[in-house]
Protein backbone atom coordinates (compact mmCIF):
# COMPACT_ATOMS: atom_id res chain seq x y z
CA MET A 1 9.49 -24.32 -31.96
CA GLU A 2 5.70 -24.29 -31.46
CA ILE A 3 4.46 -26.04 -28.36
CA MET A 4 2.26 -28.48 -30.33
CA GLU A 5 5.27 -29.48 -32.43
CA LYS A 6 7.21 -30.14 -29.22
CA LEU A 7 4.29 -32.17 -27.93
CA ARG A 8 4.20 -34.23 -31.12
CA ILE A 9 7.92 -35.01 -30.99
CA LEU A 10 8.16 -35.71 -27.27
CA SER A 11 4.96 -37.74 -26.94
CA ASP A 12 6.02 -39.87 -29.91
CA ALA A 13 9.44 -40.40 -28.29
CA ALA A 14 7.72 -41.62 -25.09
CA LYS A 15 5.58 -44.30 -26.73
CA TYR A 16 8.10 -47.13 -26.21
CA ASP A 17 7.71 -46.99 -22.44
CA ALA A 18 5.43 -49.90 -21.56
CA ALA A 19 4.20 -48.69 -18.18
CA CYS A 20 0.86 -47.69 -19.69
CA THR A 21 -1.00 -48.07 -22.96
CA SER A 22 -1.01 -45.29 -25.55
CA SER A 23 -4.17 -44.49 -27.45
CA GLY A 24 -2.12 -44.14 -30.65
CA VAL A 25 -4.96 -42.67 -32.70
CA ASP A 26 -6.33 -39.30 -33.80
CA LYS A 27 -10.05 -39.26 -34.52
CA LYS A 28 -13.11 -37.05 -34.21
CA ALA A 29 -16.72 -38.02 -33.92
CA GLY A 30 -18.86 -37.87 -37.04
CA ARG A 31 -22.28 -36.34 -37.30
CA GLY A 32 -24.39 -37.45 -34.37
CA GLY A 33 -21.34 -38.77 -32.52
CA MET A 34 -19.69 -37.55 -29.35
CA GLY A 35 -16.10 -37.34 -28.10
CA SER A 36 -12.69 -37.52 -29.75
CA ALA A 37 -9.26 -39.11 -29.33
CA SER A 38 -5.74 -37.73 -29.70
CA ALA A 39 -2.53 -39.67 -30.20
CA ALA A 40 -0.45 -36.80 -28.84
CA GLY A 41 0.63 -38.18 -25.52
CA ILE A 42 -2.72 -39.40 -24.17
CA CYS A 43 -2.31 -42.85 -22.63
CA HIS A 44 -4.17 -45.00 -20.16
CA SER A 45 -3.34 -46.53 -16.83
CA PHE A 46 -5.55 -48.44 -14.39
CA ALA A 47 -6.29 -47.65 -10.75
CA GLY A 48 -6.42 -50.27 -8.03
CA ASP A 49 -10.21 -50.31 -8.23
CA GLY A 50 -10.12 -51.00 -11.98
CA ARG A 51 -10.83 -47.47 -13.22
CA CYS A 52 -9.12 -46.41 -16.45
CA ILE A 53 -7.15 -43.19 -15.96
CA SER A 54 -6.05 -40.99 -18.86
CA LEU A 55 -2.52 -39.61 -18.53
CA LEU A 56 -0.41 -37.14 -20.47
CA LYS A 57 2.57 -39.32 -21.38
CA VAL A 58 5.52 -37.27 -22.53
CA LEU A 59 9.28 -36.76 -22.28
CA LEU A 60 10.68 -33.57 -20.82
CA THR A 61 13.33 -33.81 -23.56
CA ASN A 62 14.43 -36.44 -26.07
CA ALA A 63 18.00 -35.12 -26.11
CA CYS A 64 20.23 -37.72 -24.47
CA VAL A 65 23.93 -38.09 -23.79
CA TYR A 66 23.66 -41.90 -23.70
CA ASN A 67 24.10 -44.10 -26.76
CA CYS A 68 21.96 -47.15 -25.93
CA ALA A 69 21.78 -49.33 -29.06
CA TYR A 70 18.05 -50.13 -28.66
CA CYS A 71 16.83 -46.56 -28.01
CA VAL A 72 15.40 -44.30 -30.70
CA ASN A 73 16.58 -41.27 -28.70
CA ARG A 74 20.23 -42.32 -28.44
CA CYS A 75 22.73 -39.53 -29.06
CA SER A 76 24.03 -41.00 -32.34
CA ASN A 77 20.57 -41.29 -33.90
CA ASP A 78 19.48 -38.54 -36.28
CA VAL A 79 15.99 -37.61 -35.04
CA PRO A 80 14.30 -34.23 -34.41
CA ARG A 81 15.14 -33.02 -30.90
CA ALA A 82 12.96 -30.95 -28.63
CA ALA A 83 12.68 -29.94 -24.98
CA PHE A 84 9.98 -28.43 -22.80
CA ALA A 85 10.74 -25.69 -20.33
CA SER A 86 9.60 -26.80 -16.87
CA ARG A 87 6.86 -24.17 -16.60
CA GLU A 88 5.80 -24.76 -20.20
CA LEU A 89 5.11 -28.45 -19.51
CA ALA A 90 3.39 -27.74 -16.21
CA GLU A 91 1.03 -25.23 -17.85
CA LEU A 92 0.35 -27.64 -20.73
CA THR A 93 -0.56 -30.36 -18.23
CA MET A 94 -2.99 -28.03 -16.44
CA GLN A 95 -4.61 -26.95 -19.72
CA PHE A 96 -5.19 -30.58 -20.66
CA TYR A 97 -6.57 -31.29 -17.19
CA ARG A 98 -8.98 -28.35 -17.24
CA ARG A 99 -10.35 -29.54 -20.58
CA ASN A 100 -10.88 -32.99 -19.05
CA TYR A 101 -8.46 -34.62 -21.51
CA ILE A 102 -6.36 -36.18 -18.76
CA GLU A 103 -6.40 -37.05 -15.08
CA GLY A 104 -2.65 -37.13 -14.51
CA LEU A 105 0.88 -36.97 -15.87
CA PHE A 106 3.40 -39.63 -16.87
CA LEU A 107 6.77 -37.87 -17.07
CA SER A 108 10.05 -39.28 -18.30
CA SER A 109 13.07 -37.77 -19.99
CA GLY A 110 16.25 -38.36 -21.89
CA VAL A 111 19.44 -37.54 -19.99
CA ALA A 112 20.32 -34.03 -21.15
CA GLY A 113 23.66 -32.82 -19.79
CA SER A 114 23.80 -34.97 -16.66
CA PRO A 115 21.43 -37.11 -14.55
CA ASP A 116 21.38 -34.47 -11.81
CA ALA A 117 20.56 -31.60 -14.17
CA THR A 118 17.76 -33.61 -15.82
CA CYS A 119 16.31 -34.66 -12.47
CA GLU A 120 16.30 -31.04 -11.26
CA ARG A 121 14.27 -29.98 -14.31
CA MET A 122 11.76 -32.78 -13.69
CA ILE A 123 11.47 -31.75 -10.05
CA GLU A 124 10.71 -28.19 -11.12
CA VAL A 125 7.82 -29.39 -13.33
CA LEU A 126 6.32 -31.33 -10.44
CA ARG A 127 6.93 -28.49 -7.96
CA ILE A 128 5.02 -26.03 -10.13
CA LEU A 129 2.14 -28.48 -10.51
CA ARG A 130 1.90 -29.39 -6.84
CA GLN A 131 2.75 -26.09 -5.10
CA GLU A 132 1.66 -23.37 -7.53
CA TYR A 133 -1.29 -25.02 -9.27
CA HIS A 134 -2.11 -27.28 -6.29
CA PHE A 135 -2.57 -30.18 -8.70
CA ALA A 136 -3.62 -33.30 -6.77
CA GLY A 137 -3.91 -35.65 -9.73
CA TYR A 138 -1.83 -38.75 -10.34
CA ILE A 139 1.82 -38.26 -11.35
CA HIS A 140 4.16 -41.07 -12.41
CA ALA A 141 7.78 -39.92 -12.76
CA LYS A 142 10.82 -41.79 -14.06
CA ALA A 143 13.80 -41.53 -11.72
CA ILE A 144 17.03 -40.89 -13.62
CA PRO A 145 19.71 -43.54 -12.93
CA GLY A 146 22.85 -41.87 -11.61
CA ALA A 147 21.03 -38.89 -10.07
CA ASP A 148 21.90 -37.83 -6.51
CA PRO A 149 19.74 -39.55 -3.84
CA VAL A 150 18.73 -36.12 -2.49
CA LEU A 151 17.16 -35.27 -5.85
CA ILE A 152 15.42 -38.65 -6.08
CA SER A 153 14.03 -38.03 -2.60
CA ARG A 154 12.59 -34.66 -3.66
CA LEU A 155 11.10 -36.26 -6.77
CA GLY A 156 9.50 -39.02 -4.69
CA PHE A 157 7.73 -36.58 -2.35
CA LEU A 158 6.16 -34.84 -5.37
CA ALA A 159 5.19 -37.91 -7.45
CA ASP A 160 2.69 -40.68 -6.72
CA ARG A 161 4.80 -43.40 -8.32
CA LEU A 162 8.47 -43.63 -9.26
CA SER A 163 10.10 -46.08 -11.61
CA VAL A 164 13.64 -46.92 -12.63
CA ASN A 165 13.83 -48.86 -15.89
CA ILE A 166 16.20 -51.81 -15.68
CA GLU A 167 15.79 -52.17 -19.49
CA LEU A 168 17.96 -55.27 -20.07
CA PRO A 169 17.77 -58.53 -18.08
CA SER A 170 21.51 -59.05 -17.46
CA GLY A 171 24.68 -57.09 -16.79
CA GLN A 172 26.30 -58.62 -19.88
CA SER A 173 23.54 -57.31 -22.17
CA LEU A 174 23.66 -53.93 -20.47
CA ALA A 175 27.42 -53.66 -21.08
CA ARG A 176 26.99 -54.65 -24.72
CA LEU A 177 23.92 -52.59 -25.67
CA ALA A 178 24.03 -49.70 -23.17
CA PRO A 179 27.70 -49.16 -22.33
CA ASP A 180 27.03 -45.79 -20.66
CA LYS A 181 24.82 -47.41 -18.01
CA THR A 182 25.81 -49.74 -15.20
CA LYS A 183 23.93 -52.25 -13.13
CA LYS A 184 24.87 -50.34 -9.97
CA ALA A 185 23.54 -47.04 -11.35
CA ILE A 186 20.15 -48.68 -12.00
CA LEU A 187 19.75 -50.87 -8.91
CA GLY A 188 21.13 -48.20 -6.56
CA PRO A 189 18.21 -45.76 -7.04
CA MET A 190 15.77 -48.68 -7.01
CA GLY A 191 17.05 -49.75 -3.59
CA TYR A 192 17.02 -46.19 -2.28
CA ILE A 193 13.41 -45.66 -3.41
CA GLY A 194 12.40 -48.92 -1.71
CA GLN A 195 14.02 -47.79 1.55
CA GLN A 196 12.34 -44.39 1.38
CA ILE A 197 8.92 -45.94 0.75
CA THR A 198 9.36 -48.20 3.79
CA ALA A 199 10.54 -45.31 5.98
CA SER A 200 7.63 -43.14 4.84
CA SER A 201 5.09 -45.85 5.70
CA HIS A 202 6.59 -46.10 9.21
CA ASP A 203 6.51 -42.32 9.68
CA ILE A 204 2.82 -42.16 8.82
CA VAL A 205 2.09 -44.60 11.67
CA HIS A 206 3.61 -42.17 14.19
CA TYR A 207 2.87 -38.83 12.51
CA ARG A 208 -0.52 -38.46 10.91
CA HIS A 209 0.49 -35.61 8.60
CA ALA A 210 3.91 -36.94 7.64
CA PRO A 211 4.62 -36.41 3.91
CA LYS A 212 4.17 -39.51 1.74
CA PHE A 213 7.00 -40.75 -0.44
CA ALA A 214 5.80 -42.33 -3.71
CA PRO A 215 2.55 -43.62 -2.14
CA ALA A 216 1.76 -45.69 -5.27
CA GLY A 217 5.10 -47.51 -5.00
CA GLN A 218 7.70 -48.11 -7.69
CA SER A 219 7.87 -50.13 -10.89
CA THR A 220 10.35 -51.02 -13.61
CA GLN A 221 10.46 -52.15 -17.23
CA MET A 222 12.42 -54.77 -19.15
CA ILE A 223 12.85 -55.06 -22.91
CA VAL A 224 12.10 -58.55 -24.23
CA GLY A 225 13.85 -59.80 -27.36
CA ALA A 226 16.66 -57.25 -27.72
CA SER A 227 19.15 -59.63 -26.07
CA GLY A 228 19.45 -63.38 -25.77
CA GLU A 229 18.11 -64.02 -22.26
CA SER A 230 15.55 -66.79 -21.93
CA ASP A 231 12.07 -66.50 -20.41
CA TYR A 232 13.42 -68.35 -17.37
CA GLN A 233 16.17 -65.77 -16.79
CA ILE A 234 13.75 -62.87 -17.19
CA LEU A 235 11.20 -64.42 -14.84
CA ARG A 236 13.83 -65.16 -12.17
CA LEU A 237 15.03 -61.56 -12.35
CA SER A 238 11.45 -60.31 -11.99
CA GLU A 239 10.90 -62.51 -8.96
CA GLY A 240 14.12 -61.21 -7.38
CA LEU A 241 13.10 -57.59 -7.98
CA TYR A 242 9.71 -58.15 -6.36
CA ARG A 243 11.27 -59.73 -3.30
CA ARG A 244 14.21 -57.38 -2.85
CA TYR A 245 12.69 -54.03 -3.77
CA ASP A 246 8.97 -54.68 -3.14
CA LEU A 247 8.02 -53.44 -6.62
CA LYS A 248 4.39 -52.89 -7.56
CA ARG A 249 4.89 -54.00 -11.16
CA VAL A 250 7.48 -55.25 -13.58
CA PHE A 251 6.49 -54.24 -17.11
CA PHE A 252 7.67 -56.12 -20.19
CA SER A 253 8.14 -54.44 -23.55
CA ALA A 254 8.58 -56.49 -26.73
CA TYR A 255 11.58 -55.10 -28.60
CA VAL A 256 10.57 -53.03 -31.62
CA PRO A 257 13.45 -52.55 -34.11
CA VAL A 258 13.37 -48.76 -34.39
CA VAL A 259 17.11 -48.37 -35.05
CA GLU A 260 19.57 -50.44 -37.05
CA SER A 261 22.46 -52.04 -35.20
CA PRO A 262 24.52 -55.20 -35.73
CA LEU A 263 24.02 -55.91 -32.02
CA LEU A 264 20.22 -56.13 -32.33
CA PRO A 265 17.64 -58.24 -34.20
CA GLY A 266 17.02 -56.97 -37.73
CA ALA A 267 14.04 -54.95 -38.87
CA ASP A 268 12.64 -58.07 -40.59
CA MET A 269 12.15 -59.74 -37.19
CA PRO A 270 8.64 -59.11 -35.83
CA PRO A 271 8.33 -57.91 -32.20
CA PRO A 272 7.99 -60.90 -29.81
CA LEU A 273 4.49 -59.88 -28.72
CA TRP A 274 3.37 -63.41 -27.87
CA ARG A 275 6.42 -63.87 -25.64
CA GLU A 276 5.61 -60.58 -23.90
CA HIS A 277 2.07 -61.86 -23.35
CA ARG A 278 3.33 -65.09 -21.73
CA LEU A 279 5.64 -63.14 -19.42
CA TYR A 280 2.73 -60.98 -18.25
CA GLN A 281 0.69 -64.13 -17.55
CA ALA A 282 3.57 -65.62 -15.56
CA ASP A 283 4.10 -62.31 -13.72
CA TRP A 284 0.48 -62.48 -12.59
CA LEU A 285 1.10 -65.99 -11.23
CA LEU A 286 4.13 -64.74 -9.27
CA ARG A 287 2.23 -61.84 -7.70
CA PHE A 288 -1.17 -63.33 -6.92
CA TYR A 289 -1.08 -67.13 -7.18
CA GLY A 290 1.93 -68.07 -5.06
CA PHE A 291 4.02 -69.55 -7.86
CA GLY A 292 7.80 -69.32 -7.99
CA ALA A 293 9.85 -68.76 -11.12
CA ASP A 294 11.58 -72.13 -10.65
CA GLU A 295 8.20 -73.87 -10.64
CA LEU A 296 7.05 -72.40 -13.94
CA LEU A 297 10.33 -72.82 -15.83
CA ASP A 298 13.76 -74.38 -15.32
CA GLU A 299 17.06 -74.88 -17.12
CA GLU A 300 15.64 -77.79 -19.13
CA HIS A 301 12.47 -75.87 -20.04
CA PRO A 302 13.61 -72.21 -20.30
CA ALA A 303 10.79 -71.01 -22.58
CA PHE A 304 7.03 -70.84 -22.18
CA HIS A 305 4.83 -73.19 -24.16
CA PRO A 306 3.74 -71.71 -27.50
CA TYR A 307 0.10 -72.87 -27.25
CA VAL A 308 -0.73 -73.27 -23.55
CA ASP A 309 -0.62 -70.52 -20.91
CA PRO A 310 1.91 -70.84 -18.02
CA LYS A 311 -0.63 -72.06 -15.45
CA CYS A 312 -1.96 -74.84 -17.68
CA HIS A 313 1.61 -75.63 -18.68
CA TRP A 314 2.56 -76.10 -15.03
CA ALA A 315 -0.51 -78.23 -14.33
CA LEU A 316 0.25 -80.55 -17.25
CA ARG A 317 3.82 -81.01 -16.06
CA HIS A 318 2.59 -81.86 -12.54
CA GLY A 319 -0.22 -84.24 -13.39
CA SER A 320 0.53 -86.37 -10.31
CA GLN A 321 -0.91 -83.59 -8.11
CA PHE A 322 -4.32 -83.85 -9.79
CA PRO A 323 -7.24 -84.35 -9.69
CA LEU A 324 -8.05 -82.38 -6.52
CA GLU A 325 -11.20 -82.92 -4.51
CA VAL A 326 -12.80 -79.48 -4.66
CA ASN A 327 -14.59 -79.94 -1.32
CA ARG A 328 -11.34 -80.57 0.57
CA ALA A 329 -8.58 -78.71 -1.31
CA SER A 330 -6.92 -75.75 0.41
CA TYR A 331 -6.99 -72.23 -0.94
CA GLU A 332 -3.38 -72.53 -2.11
CA GLU A 333 -4.15 -75.79 -3.94
CA LEU A 334 -7.25 -74.32 -5.60
CA LEU A 335 -5.24 -71.37 -6.93
CA ARG A 336 -3.08 -73.78 -8.92
CA VAL A 337 -6.01 -75.29 -10.79
CA PRO A 338 -6.43 -73.90 -14.34
CA GLY A 339 -9.74 -72.10 -14.62
CA ILE A 340 -9.83 -71.05 -10.93
CA GLY A 341 -8.81 -67.50 -10.04
CA VAL A 342 -8.37 -65.62 -6.79
CA LYS A 343 -12.03 -64.62 -6.50
CA SER A 344 -13.47 -67.99 -7.51
CA ALA A 345 -11.16 -69.79 -5.05
CA TRP A 346 -12.57 -67.67 -2.21
CA ARG A 347 -16.11 -68.33 -3.45
CA ILE A 348 -15.46 -72.07 -3.30
CA LEU A 349 -14.22 -71.81 0.30
CA ARG A 350 -17.29 -69.79 1.36
CA ALA A 351 -19.81 -71.92 -0.52
CA ARG A 352 -18.60 -75.29 0.77
CA ARG A 353 -19.07 -74.17 4.38
CA ALA A 354 -22.80 -74.52 3.81
CA CYS A 355 -22.82 -77.81 1.89
CA ALA A 356 -20.71 -80.07 -0.30
CA LEU A 357 -20.38 -78.58 -3.76
CA THR A 358 -21.71 -80.24 -6.90
CA TRP A 359 -20.60 -79.82 -10.51
CA ASP A 360 -23.65 -77.64 -11.21
CA ALA A 361 -22.78 -75.41 -8.26
CA LEU A 362 -19.19 -74.99 -9.46
CA GLY A 363 -20.38 -73.66 -12.78
CA LYS A 364 -22.48 -71.00 -11.03
CA ILE A 365 -19.58 -69.85 -8.82
CA GLY A 366 -17.65 -68.49 -11.78
CA ILE A 367 -15.08 -71.21 -12.42
CA VAL A 368 -13.99 -71.67 -16.03
CA MET A 369 -15.24 -75.24 -16.22
CA LYS A 370 -13.87 -75.69 -19.73
CA ARG A 371 -10.40 -75.86 -18.13
CA ALA A 372 -10.96 -76.78 -14.50
CA GLN A 373 -12.96 -79.96 -15.24
CA TYR A 374 -9.78 -81.89 -16.11
CA PHE A 375 -8.12 -81.19 -12.76
CA LEU A 376 -10.96 -81.55 -10.23
CA LEU A 377 -13.08 -84.15 -8.48
CA CYS A 378 -16.44 -83.22 -7.02
CA ARG A 379 -17.70 -85.55 -4.28
CA GLY A 380 -15.13 -88.06 -5.46
CA ARG A 381 -16.31 -88.10 -9.07
CA ARG A 382 -15.18 -86.59 -12.30
CA CYS A 383 -17.32 -84.26 -14.36
CA PRO A 384 -20.04 -86.29 -16.16
CA GLY A 385 -19.29 -86.89 -19.83
CA LEU A 386 -15.70 -85.68 -19.56
CA ASP A 387 -13.72 -86.30 -22.74
CA LEU A 388 -10.09 -87.03 -21.82
CA SER A 389 -8.83 -87.49 -25.36
CA ARG A 390 -5.75 -85.40 -25.98
CA GLU A 391 -7.39 -83.46 -28.81
CA ALA A 392 -10.30 -82.45 -26.56
CA VAL A 393 -8.00 -81.46 -23.70
CA LEU A 394 -5.79 -79.29 -25.89
CA SER A 395 -8.70 -77.52 -27.57
CA ASN A 396 -10.30 -76.73 -24.19
CA LEU A 397 -7.11 -75.55 -22.48
CA MET A 398 -6.20 -73.12 -25.24
CA SER A 399 -7.79 -69.69 -25.46
CA ARG A 400 -9.23 -68.40 -28.72
CA ARG A 401 -6.03 -66.49 -29.51
CA GLU A 402 -3.90 -69.54 -28.72
CA THR A 403 -6.12 -71.73 -30.90
CA GLU A 404 -5.71 -69.28 -33.80
CA LEU A 405 -1.95 -69.33 -33.35
CA TYR A 406 -1.97 -73.13 -33.26
CA HIS A 407 -3.92 -73.39 -36.49
CA ARG A 408 -1.67 -70.84 -38.22
CA GLN A 409 1.40 -72.84 -37.23
CA GLN A 410 -0.14 -76.16 -38.26
CA GLY A 411 -1.54 -74.87 -41.56
CA PRO A 412 -5.10 -74.03 -42.64
CA VAL A 413 -6.02 -77.46 -44.00
CA ARG A 414 -4.75 -79.68 -41.21
CA GLN A 415 -6.83 -81.19 -38.44
CA LEU A 416 -6.08 -80.27 -34.83
CA SER A 417 -3.13 -82.50 -33.99
CA LEU A 418 -0.94 -82.78 -30.95
CA PHE A 419 1.93 -84.37 -32.78
CA GLY A 420 2.41 -82.21 -35.87
CA PRO A 421 5.36 -79.86 -36.34
CA GLY A 422 5.32 -76.57 -34.47
CA PRO A 423 7.73 -73.92 -33.30
CA ALA A 424 10.81 -75.26 -31.53
CA GLY A 425 9.64 -78.87 -31.68
CA SER A 426 6.50 -78.10 -29.74
CA GLY A 427 4.64 -81.12 -31.12
CA GLN A 428 6.79 -83.54 -29.13
CA LEU A 429 6.60 -81.22 -26.11
CA VAL A 430 2.81 -81.23 -26.20
CA LYS A 431 2.74 -85.00 -26.65
CA GLU A 432 4.91 -85.60 -23.59
CA GLU A 433 3.13 -83.14 -21.34
CA PHE A 434 -0.40 -84.21 -22.18
CA ALA A 435 0.59 -87.77 -21.39
CA CYS A 436 0.96 -86.56 -17.77
CA LEU A 437 -2.73 -85.70 -17.44
CA PRO A 438 -4.50 -87.68 -14.73
CA LEU A 439 -6.82 -90.25 -16.27
CA PRO A 440 -10.10 -91.52 -14.78
CA ARG A 441 -9.69 -94.21 -12.19
């Protein structure tokens, strides 16, 4: 098989991994234009400083001994199979790098033969890149569940980041949809990687030239919508993974029906992209805003609001805590105000050391006043001309995308209403929660 045909098959098979964003397009510049794009495995990740990094995203092989119901590469699915030789993939990566197509490699694989055999082939790819070509670019490698810890250790000293995909949010769903995998086989490597990262960070303190184990940390991915777990269950699992294994990221992937199975949603069901979006918003609140999963959702409210983002949703349900006096509120309290982010909260703390802030000053700091005005007092007063009608509040708290969704659900000819029908009885939900908004005294 020609190498470009292998690349086409194996890059296409890797596109369902949500740890970075595929370009998904082939195009060339027209006359007078410059540059081009290729769908064959080129994807994008983001560095800590915000830079966009192009990666070659590919599987070592899409042959797999597992029969996971949700996976396009499962052994019972009739798809073209291909496999790179270790040196073949290493040389391809270097050719792409020399042409400035990519800055790094994102390598995963189906389980061909056994987890140990697959992991050894991945290690050989990384060894050739690091030791023979002296490649110092970014490498993200997927650890194979069930592989020997010695092999995972070798993989971690060659890669910048490791990840073990947990895939499904509960052991029951794993047993039903991926009977060849076990919870222990997935969480075991995740725990081992976490221990090795901690040990490596301690070694560097004592030995300046100690080798680094997965210096960019580890991550995981969960499929959303393939099984019946609620947003609350998924968010609690994410919180537990962050705390127990010190993960850098939990990625969420809306289930795309690529194979037919009576155990999965049908092909007529659209991917739950909006639900994936809400989970990413909530994940951000867990990592940077000090929220807990039990604060954002609970057993009585297991799903995110269809029209309002999780932070606004929380604020509306806790109206008794607002309004906050912006000149006295703590950093932690400011972070919970819709429209105030991490940077703007620090700006408020620095600015008010010089003088008491005014409403005009808040607008210049970078606060999203459209949202924050409902939850703040400035020098004991509300924002001048504030409209606290429920229609005004809802329209200002929703983003443009959320407003479009709201209008589509309500119908094109209806006025903006808080009490009309919506998904899952959301009209009554909105009515009850907006009644909790603090009113002017």
